[in-house]
Structure formats: structure tokens, C-alpha cells
Amino acid sequence: MQTPVEQLPPAPATKTNVLSIVSLIVGIVGLLGVCVAIFIPVAGPICDGLLAIAALVTGFLGMSQTGKTGEKGKGMAIAGLVMGILALLSACLLGIGTAILGPQIGNIFSQITSGLTNSGY
């Protein structure tokens, strides 16, 4: 005689923390925003800084929640934090560079454009 085999219920799927995912995505966009921020003098570093702060906040919250709830995503939160820190540092450097070099670059562009208009272009 065979005894019936009991089947165990499927293991509950552990979900990934949403804030960790958001931190990773915003951190990536913040780092990519550095490339764009170079060409947009004032608004670029400001937007990049805001993205970096969002990555930092969601990264810290995501790490906290993964520790409390046992969800996955701690690595993503850490990666988002690191990218947020790098984006924030680059936004600060771009902002400082814009403040220091902005007037000189403006003078160079005005000299170039005045030279082009005087030459007939």
C-alpha cells in the first residue's frame, strides 16, 4: 500500500522593495543627467542635484525597509545611494564651475559671435 504524498504549498515569493528600484533608476538617470547638465549652465546642475537627492532619500528608505520587512533589493538601494552620491558631487562641481567660469565663457562666446557678424557670417 502506498501512502499519499503530501504536497507542500509553494513558497511565498519574496518581492523586491519598490523604493530600492526607484533609487536605482533615479541614480542612473542622475548620473546620465551629468552629461546633459554640462551643456545647460544653470538648470542642469539644479535638476541633477534634485535627482541625486531623490536617489539618496529613496535609497536610505529602501535599505531601511528591506532590513525591516525582509524584502529583496538591498543591493539595488546601495547602488542607488552610490550613484546618488556621485551625481550630487558632480552637480556641485558643475554648479561651482558654472559660477566661476560662466562669465568668462559668456565673454568668449560674445567675442566669437561679434567676430562672425562682422565678417559677414
Protein backbone atom coordinates (compact mmCIF):
# COMPACT_ATOMS: atom_id res chain seq x y z
CA MET A 1 0.00 0.00 0.00
CA GLN A 2 1.16 3.39 -0.84
CA THR A 3 0.65 6.33 1.41
CA PRO A 4 -0.41 9.53 -0.26
CA VAL A 5 2.38 12.05 -0.62
CA GLU A 6 1.62 15.37 0.91
CA GLN A 7 2.50 18.30 -1.26
CA LEU A 8 3.82 21.37 0.39
CA PRO A 9 2.31 24.69 -0.61
CA PRO A 10 4.55 26.79 -2.86
CA ALA A 11 6.95 29.06 -1.04
CA PRO A 12 5.74 32.64 -0.93
CA ALA A 13 7.61 34.78 -3.41
CA THR A 14 9.62 37.49 -1.74
CA LYS A 15 9.03 40.74 -3.51
CA THR A 16 11.56 43.43 -4.27
CA ASN A 17 11.28 46.69 -2.42
CA VAL A 18 9.85 49.42 -4.65
CA LEU A 19 11.92 52.22 -3.13
CA SER A 20 15.10 50.27 -3.87
CA ILE A 21 14.10 50.01 -7.51
CA VAL A 22 13.23 53.71 -7.62
CA SER A 23 16.58 54.60 -6.04
CA LEU A 24 18.47 52.58 -8.63
CA ILE A 25 16.57 54.09 -11.57
CA VAL A 26 16.82 57.67 -10.29
CA GLY A 27 20.52 57.17 -9.54
CA ILE A 28 21.15 56.01 -13.11
CA VAL A 29 19.17 58.92 -14.55
CA GLY A 30 21.05 61.31 -12.24
CA LEU A 31 24.41 60.08 -13.48
CA LEU A 32 23.27 60.30 -17.09
CA GLY A 33 21.98 63.78 -16.30
CA VAL A 34 25.53 64.89 -15.60
CA CYS A 35 26.25 64.61 -19.32
CA VAL A 36 23.27 66.83 -20.11
CA ALA A 37 23.98 69.21 -17.24
CA ILE A 38 27.32 70.13 -18.76
CA PHE A 39 25.54 71.79 -21.69
CA ILE A 40 22.78 73.51 -19.69
CA PRO A 41 24.51 76.07 -17.48
CA VAL A 42 22.17 76.73 -14.54
CA ALA A 43 19.21 74.39 -14.79
CA GLY A 44 21.34 71.31 -15.49
CA PRO A 45 23.19 71.14 -12.16
CA ILE A 46 20.00 72.04 -10.27
CA CYS A 47 17.99 69.22 -11.89
CA ASP A 48 20.91 66.84 -11.47
CA GLY A 49 21.16 67.76 -7.79
CA LEU A 50 17.44 67.16 -7.27
CA LEU A 51 17.69 63.73 -8.93
CA ALA A 52 20.70 62.91 -6.74
CA ILE A 53 18.83 63.90 -3.58
CA ALA A 54 15.85 61.77 -4.65
CA ALA A 55 18.18 58.79 -5.21
CA LEU A 56 19.72 59.28 -1.78
CA VAL A 57 16.40 59.57 0.05
CA THR A 58 14.79 56.58 -1.67
CA GLY A 59 18.00 54.58 -1.23
CA PHE A 60 18.09 55.16 2.52
CA LEU A 61 14.38 54.39 2.85
CA GLY A 62 14.73 51.28 0.67
CA MET A 63 17.61 49.97 2.76
CA SER A 64 15.66 50.60 5.93
CA GLN A 65 12.56 48.83 4.65
CA THR A 66 14.45 45.81 3.32
CA GLY A 67 16.01 45.34 6.74
CA LYS A 68 12.63 45.51 8.48
CA THR A 69 10.42 43.56 6.07
CA GLY A 70 12.89 41.04 4.65
CA GLU A 71 12.18 42.11 1.07
CA LYS A 72 14.80 41.87 -1.64
CA GLY A 73 16.52 44.95 -3.04
CA LYS A 74 19.17 45.96 -0.53
CA GLY A 75 21.85 45.81 -3.23
CA MET A 76 19.78 47.99 -5.53
CA ALA A 77 19.31 50.52 -2.73
CA ILE A 78 23.07 50.60 -2.09
CA ALA A 79 23.77 51.05 -5.81
CA GLY A 80 21.22 53.88 -5.93
CA LEU A 81 22.90 55.52 -2.94
CA VAL A 82 26.35 55.33 -4.52
CA MET A 83 25.09 56.74 -7.82
CA GLY A 84 23.19 59.44 -5.94
CA ILE A 85 26.34 60.47 -4.09
CA LEU A 86 28.34 60.60 -7.34
CA ALA A 87 25.60 62.59 -9.08
CA LEU A 88 25.39 65.03 -6.16
CA LEU A 89 29.14 65.58 -6.14
CA SER A 90 29.18 66.15 -9.89
CA ALA A 91 26.22 68.55 -9.66
CA CYS A 92 28.07 70.55 -7.00
CA LEU A 93 31.24 70.66 -9.11
CA LEU A 94 29.26 71.68 -12.19
CA GLY A 95 27.47 74.39 -10.22
CA ILE A 96 30.73 75.76 -8.85
CA GLY A 97 32.34 75.59 -12.28
CA THR A 98 29.40 77.40 -13.83
CA ALA A 99 29.53 80.13 -11.20
CA ILE A 100 33.28 80.64 -11.64
CA LEU A 101 33.68 80.15 -15.38
CA GLY A 102 30.25 81.31 -16.59
CA PRO A 103 31.07 84.99 -17.14
CA GLN A 104 34.34 84.18 -18.91
CA ILE A 105 32.68 81.67 -21.22
CA GLY A 106 29.97 84.23 -21.96
CA ASN A 107 32.63 86.78 -22.95
CA ILE A 108 34.30 84.26 -25.24
CA PHE A 109 31.00 83.44 -26.96
CA SER A 110 30.16 87.12 -27.39
CA GLN A 111 33.56 87.76 -28.97
CA ILE A 112 33.11 84.81 -31.32
CA THR A 113 29.62 85.86 -32.35
CA SER A 114 30.62 89.51 -32.82
CA GLY A 115 33.54 88.38 -34.97
CA LEU A 116 31.21 86.24 -37.09
CA THR A 117 28.72 89.05 -37.59
CA ASN A 118 31.50 91.49 -38.55
CA SER A 119 32.92 89.04 -41.10
CA GLY A 120 29.58 88.59 -42.83
CA TYR A 121 28.51 85.23 -41.45
